[in-house]
């Protein structure tokens, strides 16, 4: 399935044969201390930087309404974020994973994002639009 919106992601998660728990890592871009003057200029122009996870949350697809509601909840609980990465944790035997079962996968997900390994996560900007990385 082609994911071209947050609604597509929710629909895909709800259509899976086993119940899903969605994992979210909210991150911001920051400039590393050892950056060059060129990297600083690029960052000030809104490009580049390093991703830094700020907070994590897990929810079942049924606990989610709209992206705007998720973004508002994130604004209430955490600092400014620029991007949210999403992954899905499948259940088994007709049962979705619990929040407790999602703790370690969320931790690993945040660590992967911090190290720059983004390939297995879906990134969305603050408007809920999918993002592509060069």
Protein backbone atom coordinates (compact mmCIF):
# COMPACT_ATOMS: atom_id res chain seq x y z
CA UNK A 1 0.00 0.00 0.00
CA UNK A 2 1.20 3.47 -0.88
CA UNK A 3 1.24 5.76 2.16
CA UNK A 4 0.66 9.32 0.97
CA UNK A 5 -0.98 10.67 4.13
CA UNK A 6 -1.38 9.97 7.83
CA UNK A 7 -4.90 8.72 7.10
CA UNK A 8 -3.40 6.14 4.71
CA UNK A 9 -1.14 4.96 7.52
CA UNK A 10 -4.10 4.56 9.91
CA UNK A 11 -6.12 2.73 7.27
CA UNK A 12 -3.23 0.36 6.53
CA UNK A 13 -2.70 -0.35 10.23
CA UNK A 14 -6.40 -1.09 10.72
CA UNK A 15 -6.44 -3.46 7.72
CA UNK A 16 -3.62 -5.69 8.99
CA UNK A 17 -4.56 -9.28 9.87
CA UNK A 18 -3.29 -8.79 13.45
CA UNK A 19 -4.01 -5.74 15.64
CA UNK A 20 -1.23 -3.16 15.57
CA UNK A 21 0.35 -0.72 18.02
CA UNK A 22 1.81 2.35 16.34
CA UNK A 23 5.09 3.69 17.68
CA UNK A 24 5.88 7.41 17.41
CA UNK A 25 9.20 9.18 17.96
CA UNK A 26 8.99 12.97 17.84
CA UNK A 27 12.29 14.59 16.91
CA UNK A 28 13.87 17.93 16.19
CA UNK A 29 16.84 19.00 14.12
CA UNK A 30 19.84 20.42 15.92
CA UNK A 31 23.24 21.63 14.89
CA UNK A 32 26.14 19.51 16.18
CA UNK A 33 28.79 21.37 18.19
CA UNK A 34 31.53 20.41 15.71
CA UNK A 35 29.68 21.76 12.65
CA UNK A 36 31.49 23.74 9.98
CA UNK A 37 30.60 27.32 9.01
CA UNK A 38 29.01 25.95 5.82
CA UNK A 39 26.88 23.52 7.86
CA UNK A 40 25.85 26.37 10.19
CA UNK A 41 24.78 28.51 7.24
CA UNK A 42 22.83 25.64 5.73
CA UNK A 43 21.14 24.92 9.09
CA UNK A 44 20.19 28.58 9.53
CA UNK A 45 18.61 28.39 6.06
CA UNK A 46 16.44 25.48 7.25
CA UNK A 47 18.48 22.58 5.89
CA UNK A 48 20.69 19.93 7.42
CA UNK A 49 21.43 19.30 11.06
CA UNK A 50 21.23 16.14 13.14
CA UNK A 51 18.01 14.51 14.32
CA UNK A 52 17.47 14.40 18.07
CA UNK A 53 14.58 12.37 19.51
CA UNK A 54 12.53 14.39 21.99
CA UNK A 55 9.75 12.07 23.12
CA UNK A 56 8.04 8.79 22.29
CA UNK A 57 4.47 7.54 22.46
CA UNK A 58 2.61 4.42 21.43
CA UNK A 59 -1.06 4.10 20.49
CA UNK A 60 -3.36 1.64 18.80
CA UNK A 61 -4.93 2.87 15.56
CA UNK A 62 -8.29 3.06 17.37
CA UNK A 63 -6.79 5.46 19.93
CA UNK A 64 -5.90 7.88 17.14
CA UNK A 65 -8.29 10.29 15.50
CA UNK A 66 -6.55 12.77 13.26
CA UNK A 67 -2.99 13.83 12.81
CA UNK A 68 -3.94 17.28 14.11
CA UNK A 69 -5.09 15.73 17.40
CA UNK A 70 -1.84 13.74 17.73
CA UNK A 71 0.22 16.86 16.95
CA UNK A 72 -1.70 18.90 19.52
CA UNK A 73 -1.16 16.22 22.16
CA UNK A 74 2.56 16.25 21.34
CA UNK A 75 2.67 20.06 21.67
CA UNK A 76 1.09 19.82 25.12
CA UNK A 77 3.50 17.21 26.45
CA UNK A 78 6.79 18.07 24.86
CA UNK A 79 9.02 20.69 23.36
CA UNK A 80 8.86 21.84 19.76
CA UNK A 81 9.34 19.03 17.31
CA UNK A 82 9.97 19.11 13.58
CA UNK A 83 9.28 15.56 12.49
CA UNK A 84 7.59 12.44 13.80
CA UNK A 85 8.72 8.96 12.83
CA UNK A 86 6.20 6.12 12.87
CA UNK A 87 6.58 2.35 12.98
CA UNK A 88 4.10 -0.43 13.59
CA UNK A 89 4.37 -3.24 16.10
CA UNK A 90 2.16 -6.21 15.16
CA UNK A 91 0.14 -8.17 17.67
CA UNK A 92 -0.59 -11.86 17.68
CA UNK A 93 -3.52 -14.13 18.32
CA UNK A 94 -5.92 -11.24 17.81
CA UNK A 95 -4.33 -9.09 20.55
CA UNK A 96 -2.50 -5.81 20.01
CA UNK A 97 0.82 -5.37 21.85
CA UNK A 98 0.58 -3.53 25.16
CA UNK A 99 2.33 -0.26 25.96
CA UNK A 100 4.69 -2.24 28.16
CA UNK A 101 5.58 -4.49 25.21
CA UNK A 102 6.22 -1.36 23.11
CA UNK A 103 8.78 0.17 25.51
CA UNK A 104 11.89 -1.61 24.19
CA UNK A 105 10.95 -1.24 20.49
CA UNK A 106 10.33 2.48 21.09
CA UNK A 107 13.70 2.84 22.80
CA UNK A 108 15.44 1.06 19.92
CA UNK A 109 13.55 3.19 17.43
CA UNK A 110 14.72 6.42 19.13
CA UNK A 111 18.30 5.12 19.19
CA UNK A 112 18.14 4.25 15.47
CA UNK A 113 16.86 7.72 14.60
CA UNK A 114 19.56 9.38 16.68
CA UNK A 115 22.21 7.33 14.86
CA UNK A 116 20.73 8.24 11.46
CA UNK A 117 19.19 4.85 10.62
CA UNK A 118 15.81 5.99 9.30
CA UNK A 119 15.02 3.47 6.60
CA UNK A 120 12.37 1.42 8.38
CA UNK A 121 10.31 4.34 9.72
CA UNK A 122 7.72 6.57 8.09
CA UNK A 123 8.52 10.26 8.66
CA UNK A 124 5.82 12.94 8.75
CA UNK A 125 6.23 16.70 9.05
CA UNK A 126 4.22 18.91 11.43
CA UNK A 127 1.35 19.07 8.93
CA UNK A 128 1.07 15.28 8.77
CA UNK A 129 2.58 15.02 5.29
CA UNK A 130 5.00 12.18 4.51
CA UNK A 131 8.59 13.29 4.08
CA UNK A 132 11.37 12.01 1.87
CA UNK A 133 15.05 12.19 2.76
CA UNK A 134 17.77 12.68 0.15
